[in-house]
Amino acid sequence: MELLLSLAVGVLTGCGIYLVLRARTFSVVLGLTLFSYAVNLFLFATGRLIIGKPPVIAAGLSVADYTDPLPQALVLTAIVIGFAMTAFVIMLGLRARAELGNDHVDGRHQK
């Protein structure tokens, strides 16, 4: 399970970085989204992959008998912020396309 999770984080990170380095606006937005998914998955994995354990320590339970709720809260917050930033960057790209006439990130048309 850990191997699959680390491979997923690695593939998402690699694809995200590749797309961020492209010259088109949509590719950059998609790359940032994939990169944020990789970070969210990594943060979620830091809370230990435990199924069926309570997030709060109850009386009589040891520290190993619960799951950490902080990474889950961080990922939920990161999803909301990532969605808002993606919407903002898409609107910024549409505005740049309307004013400049192309969708290159540097504003110059390349042939």
PDB file of N, CA and C in Angstrom:
ATOM      1  N   MET A   1       0.817  -1.191   0.000  1.00  0.00           N
ATOM      2  CA  MET A   1       0.000   0.000   0.000  1.00  0.00           C
ATOM      3  C   MET A   1       0.865   1.261   0.000  1.00  0.00           C
ATOM      4  N   GLU A   2       1.939   1.240   0.773  1.00  0.00           N
ATOM      5  CA  GLU A   2       2.812   2.408   0.815  1.00  0.00           C
ATOM      6  C   GLU A   2       3.507   2.635  -0.520  1.00  0.00           C
ATOM      7  N   LEU A   3       3.853   1.545  -1.191  1.00  0.00           N
ATOM      8  CA  LEU A   3       4.489   1.667  -2.497  1.00  0.00           C
ATOM      9  C   LEU A   3       3.538   2.294  -3.512  1.00  0.00           C
ATOM     10  N   LEU A   4       2.293   1.858  -3.494  1.00  0.00           N
ATOM     11  CA  LEU A   4       1.294   2.412  -4.410  1.00  0.00           C
ATOM     12  C   LEU A   4       1.061   3.895  -4.123  1.00  0.00           C
ATOM     13  N   LEU A   5       0.992   4.248  -2.862  1.00  0.00           N
ATOM     14  CA  LEU A   5       0.782   5.640  -2.486  1.00  0.00           C
ATOM     15  C   LEU A   5       1.972   6.518  -2.885  1.00  0.00           C
ATOM     16  N   SER A   6       3.172   6.027  -2.650  1.00  0.00           N
ATOM     17  CA  SER A   6       4.349   6.817  -3.027  1.00  0.00           C
ATOM     18  C   SER A   6       4.489   6.928  -4.547  1.00  0.00           C
ATOM     19  N   LEU A   7       4.122   5.892  -5.281  1.00  0.00           N
ATOM     20  CA  LEU A   7       4.132   5.974  -6.742  1.00  0.00           C
ATOM     21  C   LEU A   7       3.099   6.982  -7.245  1.00  0.00           C
ATOM     22  N   ALA A   8       1.922   6.994  -6.632  1.00  0.00           N
ATOM     23  CA  ALA A   8       0.889   7.945  -7.034  1.00  0.00           C
ATOM     24  C   ALA A   8       1.344   9.380  -6.780  1.00  0.00           C
ATOM     25  N   VAL A   9       1.960   9.626  -5.624  1.00  0.00           N
ATOM     26  CA  VAL A   9       2.464  10.968  -5.325  1.00  0.00           C
ATOM     27  C   VAL A   9       3.559  11.347  -6.315  1.00  0.00           C
ATOM     28  N   GLY A  10       4.455  10.423  -6.625  1.00  0.00           N
ATOM     29  CA  GLY A  10       5.542  10.697  -7.563  1.00  0.00           C
ATOM     30  C   GLY A  10       5.044  10.976  -8.969  1.00  0.00           C
ATOM     31  N   VAL A  11       4.082  10.185  -9.445  1.00  0.00           N
ATOM     32  CA  VAL A  11       3.553  10.380 -10.799  1.00  0.00           C
ATOM     33  C   VAL A  11       2.796  11.703 -10.890  1.00  0.00           C
ATOM     34  N   LEU A  12       1.972  12.004  -9.887  1.00  0.00           N
ATOM     35  CA  LEU A  12       1.247  13.267  -9.896  1.00  0.00           C
ATOM     36  C   LEU A  12       2.197  14.465  -9.841  1.00  0.00           C
ATOM     37  N   THR A  13       3.250  14.354  -9.035  1.00  0.00           N
ATOM     38  CA  THR A  13       4.225  15.437  -8.951  1.00  0.00           C
ATOM     39  C   THR A  13       4.961  15.613 -10.278  1.00  0.00           C
ATOM     40  N   GLY A  14       5.410  14.518 -10.863  1.00  0.00           N
ATOM     41  CA  GLY A  14       6.125  14.597 -12.137  1.00  0.00           C
ATOM     42  C   GLY A  14       5.268  15.166 -13.255  1.00  0.00           C
ATOM     43  N   CYS A  15       4.030  14.699 -13.368  1.00  0.00           N
ATOM     44  CA  CYS A  15       3.130  15.221 -14.397  1.00  0.00           C
ATOM     45  C   CYS A  15       2.796  16.687 -14.147  1.00  0.00           C
ATOM     46  N   GLY A  16       2.616  17.044 -12.878  1.00  0.00           N
ATOM     47  CA  GLY A  16       2.317  18.434 -12.546  1.00  0.00           C
ATOM     48  C   GLY A  16       3.452  19.370 -12.901  1.00  0.00           C
ATOM     49  N   ILE A  17       4.666  18.986 -12.585  1.00  0.00           N
ATOM     50  CA  ILE A  17       5.823  19.825 -12.901  1.00  0.00           C
ATOM     51  C   ILE A  17       6.021  19.922 -14.410  1.00  0.00           C
ATOM     52  N   TYR A  18       5.824  18.812 -15.113  1.00  0.00           N
ATOM     53  CA  TYR A  18       5.954  18.847 -16.581  1.00  0.00           C
ATOM     54  C   TYR A  18       4.948  19.817 -17.194  1.00  0.00           C
ATOM     55  N   LEU A  19       3.705  19.773 -16.715  1.00  0.00           N
ATOM     56  CA  LEU A  19       2.689  20.645 -17.290  1.00  0.00           C
ATOM     57  C   LEU A  19       2.884  22.105 -16.893  1.00  0.00           C
ATOM     58  N   VAL A  20       3.430  22.362 -15.707  1.00  0.00           N
ATOM     59  CA  VAL A  20       3.693  23.744 -15.302  1.00  0.00           C
ATOM     60  C   VAL A  20       4.754  24.374 -16.204  1.00  0.00           C
ATOM     61  N   LEU A  21       5.665  23.583 -16.713  1.00  0.00           N
ATOM     62  CA  LEU A  21       6.736  24.108 -17.556  1.00  0.00           C
ATOM     63  C   LEU A  21       6.327  24.304 -19.016  1.00  0.00           C
ATOM     64  N   ARG A  22       5.079  24.006 -19.352  1.00  0.00           N
ATOM     65  CA  ARG A  22       4.593  24.218 -20.714  1.00  0.00           C
ATOM     66  C   ARG A  22       4.313  25.691 -20.947  1.00  0.00           C
ATOM     67  N   ALA A  23       4.112  26.095 -22.199  1.00  0.00           N
ATOM     68  CA  ALA A  23       3.937  27.500 -22.527  1.00  0.00           C
ATOM     69  C   ALA A  23       2.479  27.934 -22.619  1.00  0.00           C
ATOM     70  N   ARG A  24       1.549  27.015 -22.498  1.00  0.00           N
ATOM     71  CA  ARG A  24       0.131  27.353 -22.620  1.00  0.00           C
ATOM     72  C   ARG A  24      -0.503  27.526 -21.241  1.00  0.00           C
ATOM     73  N   THR A  25      -1.481  28.413 -21.158  1.00  0.00           N
ATOM     74  CA  THR A  25      -2.112  28.721 -19.883  1.00  0.00           C
ATOM     75  C   THR A  25      -2.861  27.521 -19.314  1.00  0.00           C
ATOM     76  N   PHE A  26      -3.617  26.815 -20.140  1.00  0.00           N
ATOM     77  CA  PHE A  26      -4.384  25.679 -19.648  1.00  0.00           C
ATOM     78  C   PHE A  26      -3.476  24.576 -19.110  1.00  0.00           C
ATOM     79  N   SER A  27      -2.352  24.355 -19.750  1.00  0.00           N
ATOM     80  CA  SER A  27      -1.402  23.350 -19.266  1.00  0.00           C
ATOM     81  C   SER A  27      -0.838  23.732 -17.898  1.00  0.00           C
ATOM     82  N   VAL A  28      -0.569  25.007 -17.711  1.00  0.00           N
ATOM     83  CA  VAL A  28      -0.048  25.469 -16.424  1.00  0.00           C
ATOM     84  C   VAL A  28      -1.099  25.283 -15.330  1.00  0.00           C
ATOM     85  N   VAL A  29      -2.351  25.611 -15.617  1.00  0.00           N
ATOM     86  CA  VAL A  29      -3.424  25.441 -14.635  1.00  0.00           C
ATOM     87  C   VAL A  29      -3.610  23.968 -14.304  1.00  0.00           C
ATOM     88  N   LEU A  30      -3.594  23.117 -15.310  1.00  0.00           N
ATOM     89  CA  LEU A  30      -3.733  21.678 -15.076  1.00  0.00           C
ATOM     90  C   LEU A  30      -2.549  21.126 -14.294  1.00  0.00           C
ATOM     91  N   GLY A  31      -1.350  21.611 -14.579  1.00  0.00           N
ATOM     92  CA  GLY A  31      -0.169  21.185 -13.841  1.00  0.00           C
ATOM     93  C   GLY A  31      -0.216  21.604 -12.386  1.00  0.00           C
ATOM     94  N   LEU A  32      -0.645  22.829 -12.121  1.00  0.00           N
ATOM     95  CA  LEU A  32      -0.789  23.273 -10.731  1.00  0.00           C
ATOM     96  C   LEU A  32      -1.831  22.455  -9.986  1.00  0.00           C
ATOM     97  N   THR A  33      -2.899  22.089 -10.669  1.00  0.00           N
ATOM     98  CA  THR A  33      -3.934  21.258 -10.049  1.00  0.00           C
ATOM     99  C   THR A  33      -3.396  19.871  -9.715  1.00  0.00           C
ATOM    100  N   LEU A  34      -2.672  19.255 -10.636  1.00  0.00           N
ATOM    101  CA  LEU A  34      -2.091  17.939 -10.370  1.00  0.00           C
ATOM    102  C   LEU A  34      -1.067  18.001  -9.243  1.00  0.00           C
ATOM    103  N   PHE A  35      -0.282  19.061  -9.230  1.00  0.00           N
ATOM    104  CA  PHE A  35       0.707  19.218  -8.171  1.00  0.00           C
ATOM    105  C   PHE A  35       0.038  19.400  -6.812  1.00  0.00           C
ATOM    106  N   SER A  36      -1.061  20.140  -6.775  1.00  0.00           N
ATOM    107  CA  SER A  36      -1.775  20.293  -5.499  1.00  0.00           C
ATOM    108  C   SER A  36      -2.417  18.981  -5.067  1.00  0.00           C
ATOM    109  N   TYR A  37      -2.876  18.158  -6.017  1.00  0.00           N
ATOM    110  CA  TYR A  37      -3.390  16.827  -5.660  1.00  0.00           C
ATOM    111  C   TYR A  37      -2.291  15.971  -5.042  1.00  0.00           C
ATOM    112  N   ALA A  38      -1.090  16.066  -5.593  1.00  0.00           N
ATOM    113  CA  ALA A  38       0.033  15.289  -5.049  1.00  0.00           C
ATOM    114  C   ALA A  38       0.364  15.737  -3.627  1.00  0.00           C
ATOM    115  N   VAL A  39       0.363  17.034  -3.393  1.00  0.00           N
ATOM    116  CA  VAL A  39       0.637  17.546  -2.047  1.00  0.00           C
ATOM    117  C   VAL A  39      -0.461  17.124  -1.084  1.00  0.00           C
ATOM    118  N   ASN A  40      -1.717  17.181  -1.521  1.00  0.00           N
ATOM    119  CA  ASN A  40      -2.823  16.746  -0.666  1.00  0.00           C
ATOM    120  C   ASN A  40      -2.714  15.267  -0.322  1.00  0.00           C
ATOM    121  N   LEU A  41      -2.368  14.450  -1.283  1.00  0.00           N
ATOM    122  CA  LEU A  41      -2.210  13.017  -1.027  1.00  0.00           C
ATOM    123  C   LEU A  41      -1.062  12.753  -0.072  1.00  0.00           C
ATOM    124  N   PHE A  42       0.020  13.512  -0.222  1.00  0.00           N
ATOM    125  CA  PHE A  42       1.152  13.370   0.688  1.00  0.00           C
ATOM    126  C   PHE A  42       0.769  13.792   2.109  1.00  0.00           C
ATOM    127  N   LEU A  43       0.074  14.906   2.236  1.00  0.00           N
ATOM    128  CA  LEU A  43      -0.376  15.348   3.559  1.00  0.00           C
ATOM    129  C   LEU A  43      -1.326  14.348   4.196  1.00  0.00           C
ATOM    130  N   PHE A  44      -2.211  13.781   3.392  1.00  0.00           N
ATOM    131  CA  PHE A  44      -3.153  12.793   3.915  1.00  0.00           C
ATOM    132  C   PHE A  44      -2.430  11.533   4.393  1.00  0.00           C
ATOM    133  N   ALA A  45      -1.362  11.170   3.700  1.00  0.00           N
ATOM    134  CA  ALA A  45      -0.604   9.974   4.075  1.00  0.00           C
ATOM    135  C   ALA A  45       0.200  10.175   5.351  1.00  0.00           C
ATOM    136  N   THR A  46       0.496  11.427   5.703  1.00  0.00           N
ATOM    137  CA  THR A  46       1.257  11.657   6.934  1.00  0.00           C
ATOM    138  C   THR A  46       0.437  11.346   8.176  1.00  0.00           C
ATOM    139  N   GLY A  47      -0.871  11.227   8.040  1.00  0.00           N
ATOM    140  CA  GLY A  47      -1.725  10.906   9.182  1.00  0.00           C
ATOM    141  C   GLY A  47      -1.859   9.417   9.424  1.00  0.00           C
ATOM    142  N   ARG A  48      -0.977   8.626   8.917  1.00  0.00           N
ATOM    143  CA  ARG A  48      -0.983   7.168   9.015  1.00  0.00           C
ATOM    144  C   ARG A  48      -2.239   6.582   8.385  1.00  0.00           C
ATOM    145  N   LEU A  49      -2.070   5.596   7.565  1.00  0.00           N
ATOM    146  CA  LEU A  49      -3.187   4.972   6.866  1.00  0.00           C
ATOM    147  C   LEU A  49      -3.815   3.918   7.767  1.00  0.00           C
ATOM    148  N   ILE A  50      -4.750   4.335   8.605  1.00  0.00           N
ATOM    149  CA  ILE A  50      -5.439   3.445   9.540  1.00  0.00           C
ATOM    150  C   ILE A  50      -6.930   3.535   9.251  1.00  0.00           C
ATOM    151  N   ILE A  51      -7.571   2.394   9.108  1.00  0.00           N
ATOM    152  CA  ILE A  51      -8.994   2.353   8.800  1.00  0.00           C
ATOM    153  C   ILE A  51      -9.753   1.882  10.031  1.00  0.00           C
ATOM    154  N   GLY A  52     -10.832   2.557  10.354  1.00  0.00           N
ATOM    155  CA  GLY A  52     -11.713   2.145  11.437  1.00  0.00           C
ATOM    156  C   GLY A  52     -11.255   2.544  12.826  1.00  0.00           C
ATOM    157  N   LYS A  53     -10.358   3.489  12.936  1.00  0.00           N
ATOM    158  CA  LYS A  53      -9.892   3.952  14.245  1.00  0.00           C
ATOM    159  C   LYS A  53     -10.483   5.331  14.522  1.00  0.00           C
ATOM    160  N   PRO A  54     -10.756   5.662  15.788  1.00  0.00           N
ATOM    161  CA  PRO A  54     -11.331   6.968  16.101  1.00  0.00           C
ATOM    162  C   PRO A  54     -10.300   8.082  15.974  1.00  0.00           C
ATOM    163  N   PRO A  55     -10.745   9.313  15.621  1.00  0.00           N
ATOM    164  CA  PRO A  55      -9.814  10.427  15.498  1.00  0.00           C
ATOM    165  C   PRO A  55      -9.475  11.104  16.827  1.00  0.00           C
ATOM    166  N   VAL A  56     -10.186  10.739  17.900  1.00  0.00           N
ATOM    167  CA  VAL A  56      -9.960  11.342  19.205  1.00  0.00           C
ATOM    168  C   VAL A  56      -9.625  10.229  20.198  1.00  0.00           C
ATOM    169  N   ILE A  57      -8.638  10.487  21.057  1.00  0.00           N
ATOM    170  CA  ILE A  57      -8.257   9.484  22.058  1.00  0.00           C
ATOM    171  C   ILE A  57      -9.326   9.416  23.136  1.00  0.00           C
ATOM    172  N   ALA A  58      -9.877   8.241  23.334  1.00  0.00           N
ATOM    173  CA  ALA A  58     -10.867   8.023  24.390  1.00  0.00           C
ATOM    174  C   ALA A  58     -10.179   7.404  25.602  1.00  0.00           C
ATOM    175  N   ALA A  59     -10.905   7.307  26.676  1.00  0.00           N
ATOM    176  CA  ALA A  59     -10.352   6.726  27.899  1.00  0.00           C
ATOM    177  C   ALA A  59     -10.018   5.255  27.661  1.00  0.00           C
ATOM    178  N   GLY A  60      -8.842   4.872  28.042  1.00  0.00           N
ATOM    179  CA  GLY A  60      -8.419   3.486  27.928  1.00  0.00           C
ATOM    180  C   GLY A  60      -7.737   3.128  26.619  1.00  0.00           C
ATOM    181  N   LEU A  61      -7.609   4.057  25.690  1.00  0.00           N
ATOM    182  CA  LEU A  61      -6.941   3.793  24.420  1.00  0.00           C
ATOM    183  C   LEU A  61      -5.534   4.356  24.449  1.00  0.00           C
ATOM    184  N   SER A  62      -4.637   3.642  23.801  1.00  0.00           N
ATOM    185  CA  SER A  62      -3.264   4.148  23.706  1.00  0.00           C
ATOM    186  C   SER A  62      -3.139   5.052  22.483  1.00  0.00           C
ATOM    187  N   VAL A  63      -1.989   5.671  22.338  1.00  0.00           N
ATOM    188  CA  VAL A  63      -1.746   6.584  21.228  1.00  0.00           C
ATOM    189  C   VAL A  63      -1.784   5.837  19.887  1.00  0.00           C
ATOM    190  N   ALA A  64      -1.422   4.576  19.878  1.00  0.00           N
ATOM    191  CA  ALA A  64      -1.398   3.803  18.634  1.00  0.00           C
ATOM    192  C   ALA A  64      -2.792   3.379  18.185  1.00  0.00           C
ATOM    193  N   ASP A  65      -3.826   3.595  19.024  1.00  0.00           N
ATOM    194  CA  ASP A  65      -5.176   3.145  18.703  1.00  0.00           C
ATOM    195  C   ASP A  65      -6.072   4.240  18.132  1.00  0.00           C
ATOM    196  N   TYR A  66      -5.491   5.315  17.638  1.00  0.00           N
ATOM    197  CA  TYR A  66      -6.295   6.355  17.022  1.00  0.00           C
ATOM    198  C   TYR A  66      -5.581   6.882  15.786  1.00  0.00           C
ATOM    199  N   THR A  67      -6.326   7.593  14.968  1.00  0.00           N
ATOM    200  CA  THR A  67      -5.745   8.218  13.779  1.00  0.00           C
ATOM    201  C   THR A  67      -5.653   9.725  13.999  1.00  0.00           C
ATOM    202  N   ASP A  68      -4.681  10.344  13.394  1.00  0.00           N
ATOM    203  CA  ASP A  68      -4.440  11.764  13.585  1.00  0.00           C
ATOM    204  C   ASP A  68      -5.404  12.570  12.707  1.00  0.00           C
ATOM    205  N   PRO A  69      -6.257  13.420  13.281  1.00  0.00           N
ATOM    206  CA  PRO A  69      -7.214  14.179  12.470  1.00  0.00           C
ATOM    207  C   PRO A  69      -6.619  15.427  11.818  1.00  0.00           C
ATOM    208  N   LEU A  70      -5.436  15.856  12.209  1.00  0.00           N
ATOM    209  CA  LEU A  70      -4.862  17.089  11.672  1.00  0.00           C
ATOM    210  C   LEU A  70      -4.585  17.017  10.165  1.00  0.00           C
ATOM    211  N   PRO A  71      -3.954  15.947   9.646  1.00  0.00           N
ATOM    212  CA  PRO A  71      -3.755  15.903   8.182  1.00  0.00           C
ATOM    213  C   PRO A  71      -5.065  15.914   7.399  1.00  0.00           C
ATOM    214  N   GLN A  72      -6.109  15.308   7.949  1.00  0.00           N
ATOM    215  CA  GLN A  72      -7.397  15.325   7.264  1.00  0.00           C
ATOM    216  C   GLN A  72      -7.955  16.743   7.200  1.00  0.00           C
ATOM    217  N   ALA A  73      -7.803  17.486   8.279  1.00  0.00           N
ATOM    218  CA  ALA A  73      -8.265  18.874   8.293  1.00  0.00           C
ATOM    219  C   ALA A  73      -7.432  19.736   7.347  1.00  0.00           C
ATOM    220  N   LEU A  74      -6.126  19.496   7.300  1.00  0.00           N
ATOM    221  CA  LEU A  74      -5.266  20.247   6.390  1.00  0.00           C
ATOM    222  C   LEU A  74      -5.614  19.980   4.933  1.00  0.00           C
ATOM    223  N   VAL A  75      -5.893  18.726   4.604  1.00  0.00           N
ATOM    224  CA  VAL A  75      -6.239  18.371   3.223  1.00  0.00           C
ATOM    225  C   VAL A  75      -7.584  18.982   2.841  1.00  0.00           C
ATOM    226  N   LEU A  76      -8.547  18.947   3.742  1.00  0.00           N
ATOM    227  CA  LEU A  76      -9.846  19.546   3.447  1.00  0.00           C
ATOM    228  C   LEU A  76      -9.711  21.044   3.196  1.00  0.00           C
ATOM    229  N   THR A  77      -8.919  21.715   4.001  1.00  0.00           N
ATOM    230  CA  THR A  77      -8.679  23.139   3.801  1.00  0.00           C
ATOM    231  C   THR A  77      -7.925  23.390   2.493  1.00  0.00           C
ATOM    232  N   ALA A  78      -6.950  22.550   2.180  1.00  0.00           N
ATOM    233  CA  ALA A  78      -6.178  22.708   0.950  1.00  0.00           C
ATOM    234  C   ALA A  78      -7.041  22.480  -0.288  1.00  0.00           C
ATOM    235  N   ILE A  79      -8.016  21.587  -0.219  1.00  0.00           N
ATOM    236  CA  ILE A  79      -8.913  21.351  -1.348  1.00  0.00           C
ATOM    237  C   ILE A  79      -9.741  22.597  -1.636  1.00  0.00           C
ATOM    238  N   VAL A  80     -10.264  23.210  -0.586  1.00  0.00           N
ATOM    239  CA  VAL A  80     -11.083  24.411  -0.761  1.00  0.00           C
ATOM    240  C   VAL A  80     -10.250  25.566  -1.318  1.00  0.00           C
ATOM    241  N   ILE A  81      -9.072  25.787  -0.755  1.00  0.00           N
ATOM    242  CA  ILE A  81      -8.206  26.862  -1.224  1.00  0.00           C
ATOM    243  C   ILE A  81      -7.730  26.585  -2.648  1.00  0.00           C
ATOM    244  N   GLY A  82      -7.402  25.328  -2.951  1.00  0.00           N
ATOM    245  CA  GLY A  82      -6.973  24.962  -4.300  1.00  0.00           C
ATOM    246  C   GLY A  82      -8.069  25.182  -5.335  1.00  0.00           C
ATOM    247  N   PHE A  83      -9.313  24.882  -4.984  1.00  0.00           N
ATOM    248  CA  PHE A  83     -10.416  25.118  -5.917  1.00  0.00           C
ATOM    249  C   PHE A  83     -10.583  26.605  -6.185  1.00  0.00           C
ATOM    250  N   ALA A  84     -10.494  27.415  -5.144  1.00  0.00           N
ATOM    251  CA  ALA A  84     -10.638  28.865  -5.319  1.00  0.00           C
ATOM    252  C   ALA A  84      -9.495  29.427  -6.167  1.00  0.00           C
ATOM    253  N   MET A  85      -8.290  28.976  -5.917  1.00  0.00           N
ATOM    254  CA  MET A  85      -7.149  29.476  -6.690  1.00  0.00           C
ATOM    255  C   MET A  85      -7.208  29.004  -8.140  1.00  0.00           C
ATOM    256  N   THR A  86      -7.692  27.788  -8.370  1.00  0.00           N
ATOM    257  CA  THR A  86      -7.837  27.305  -9.748  1.00  0.00           C
ATOM    258  C   THR A  86      -8.852  28.146 -10.508  1.00  0.00           C
ATOM    259  N   ALA A  87      -9.965  28.455  -9.875  1.00  0.00           N
ATOM    260  CA  ALA A  87     -10.966  29.312 -10.519  1.00  0.00           C
ATOM    261  C   ALA A  87     -10.395  30.692 -10.809  1.00  0.00           C
ATOM    262  N   PHE A  88      -9.624  31.241  -9.884  1.00  0.00           N
ATOM    263  CA  PHE A  88      -9.016  32.553 -10.096  1.00  0.00           C
ATOM    264  C   PHE A  88      -8.022  32.530 -11.251  1.00  0.00           C
ATOM    265  N   VAL A  89      -7.181  31.510 -11.317  1.00  0.00           N
ATOM    266  CA  VAL A  89      -6.181  31.435 -12.379  1.00  0.00           C
ATOM    267  C   VAL A  89      -6.835  31.201 -13.734  1.00  0.00           C
ATOM    268  N   ILE A  90      -7.913  30.440 -13.778  1.00  0.00           N
ATOM    269  CA  ILE A  90      -8.623  30.247 -15.045  1.00  0.00           C
ATOM    270  C   ILE A  90      -9.217  31.561 -15.527  1.00  0.00           C
ATOM    271  N   MET A  91      -9.816  32.321 -14.622  1.00  0.00           N
ATOM    272  CA  MET A  91     -10.365  33.622 -15.012  1.00  0.00           C
ATOM    273  C   MET A  91      -9.259  34.593 -15.445  1.00  0.00           C
ATOM    274  N   LEU A  92      -8.119  34.536 -14.773  1.00  0.00           N
ATOM    275  CA  LEU A  92      -6.986  35.360 -15.158  1.00  0.00           C
ATOM    276  C   LEU A  92      -6.483  34.985 -16.548  1.00  0.00           C
ATOM    277  N   GLY A  93      -6.433  33.684 -16.838  1.00  0.00           N
ATOM    278  CA  GLY A  93      -6.021  33.229 -18.165  1.00  0.00           C
ATOM    279  C   GLY A  93      -7.002  33.620 -19.250  1.00  0.00           C
ATOM    280  N   LEU A  94      -8.300  33.548 -18.942  1.00  0.00           N
ATOM    281  CA  LEU A  94      -9.299  33.970 -19.923  1.00  0.00           C
ATOM    282  C   LEU A  94      -9.209  35.468 -20.196  1.00  0.00           C
ATOM    283  N   ARG A  95      -8.943  36.237 -19.163  1.00  0.00           N
ATOM    284  CA  ARG A  95      -8.791  37.685 -19.342  1.00  0.00           C
ATOM    285  C   ARG A  95      -7.548  37.992 -20.192  1.00  0.00           C
ATOM    286  N   ALA A  96      -6.458  37.293 -19.914  1.00  0.00           N
ATOM    287  CA  ALA A  96      -5.240  37.506 -20.701  1.00  0.00           C
ATOM    288  C   ALA A  96      -5.455  37.101 -22.156  1.00  0.00           C
ATOM    289  N   ARG A  97      -6.191  36.025 -22.368  1.00  0.00           N
ATOM    290  CA  ARG A  97      -6.471  35.606 -23.750  1.00  0.00           C
ATOM    291  C   ARG A  97      -7.321  36.636 -24.475  1.00  0.00           C
ATOM    292  N   ALA A  98      -8.279  37.215 -23.775  1.00  0.00           N
ATOM    293  CA  ALA A  98      -9.147  38.212 -24.403  1.00  0.00           C
ATOM    294  C   ALA A  98      -8.371  39.477 -24.749  1.00  0.00           C
ATOM    295  N   GLU A  99      -7.440  39.875 -23.893  1.00  0.00           N
ATOM    296  CA  GLU A  99      -6.703  41.117 -24.142  1.00  0.00           C
ATOM    297  C   GLU A  99      -5.527  40.925 -25.091  1.00  0.00           C
ATOM    298  N   LEU A 100      -4.829  39.797 -24.996  1.00  0.00           N
ATOM    299  CA  LEU A 100      -3.620  39.584 -25.792  1.00  0.00           C
ATOM    300  C   LEU A 100      -3.875  38.810 -27.082  1.00  0.00           C
ATOM    301  N   GLY A 101      -4.957  38.044 -27.126  1.00  0.00           N
ATOM    302  CA  GLY A 101      -5.271  37.294 -28.331  1.00  0.00           C
ATOM    303  C   GLY A 101      -4.619  35.926 -28.410  1.00  0.00           C
ATOM    304  N   ASN A 102      -3.872  35.511 -27.377  1.00  0.00           N
ATOM    305  CA  ASN A 102      -3.295  34.164 -27.353  1.00  0.00           C
ATOM    306  C   ASN A 102      -3.284  33.662 -25.912  1.00  0.00           C
ATOM    307  N   ASP A 103      -2.922  32.409 -25.756  1.00  0.00           N
ATOM    308  CA  ASP A 103      -2.941  31.832 -24.406  1.00  0.00           C
ATOM    309  C   ASP A 103      -1.556  31.394 -23.936  1.00  0.00           C
ATOM    310  N   HIS A 104      -0.531  32.027 -24.431  1.00  0.00           N
ATOM    311  CA  HIS A 104       0.818  31.749 -23.952  1.00  0.00           C
ATOM    312  C   HIS A 104       1.035  32.470 -22.634  1.00  0.00           C
ATOM    313  N   VAL A 105       1.779  31.839 -21.736  1.00  0.00           N
ATOM    314  CA  VAL A 105       1.957  32.431 -20.415  1.00  0.00           C
ATOM    315  C   VAL A 105       2.822  33.671 -20.444  1.00  0.00           C
ATOM    316  N   ASP A 106       3.690  33.818 -21.417  1.00  0.00           N
ATOM    317  CA  ASP A 106       4.524  35.022 -21.482  1.00  0.00           C
ATOM    318  C   ASP A 106       3.883  36.135 -22.303  1.00  0.00           C
ATOM    319  N   GLY A 107       2.742  35.874 -22.922  1.00  0.00           N
ATOM    320  CA  GLY A 107       2.032  36.901 -23.663  1.00  0.00           C
ATOM    321  C   GLY A 107       2.477  37.077 -25.091  1.00  0.00           C
ATOM    322  N   ARG A 108       3.519  36.380 -25.513  1.00  0.00           N
ATOM    323  CA  ARG A 108       4.002  36.487 -26.882  1.00  0.00           C
ATOM    324  C   ARG A 108       3.512  35.302 -27.702  1.00  0.00           C
ATOM    325  N   HIS A 109       3.214  35.552 -28.927  1.00  0.00           N
ATOM    326  CA  HIS A 109       2.778  34.475 -29.810  1.00  0.00           C
ATOM    327  C   HIS A 109       4.010  33.817 -30.444  1.00  0.00           C
ATOM    328  N   GLN A 110       4.107  32.515 -30.243  1.00  0.00           N
ATOM    329  CA  GLN A 110       5.237  31.757 -30.824  1.00  0.00           C
ATOM    330  C   GLN A 110       4.711  30.929 -31.971  1.00  0.00           C
ATOM    331  N   LYS A 111       5.503  30.870 -33.041  1.00  0.00           N
ATOM    332  CA  LYS A 111       5.082  30.092 -34.215  1.00  0.00           C
ATOM    333  C   LYS A 111       5.754  28.756 -34.247  1.00  0.00           C
TER     334      LYS A 111
END
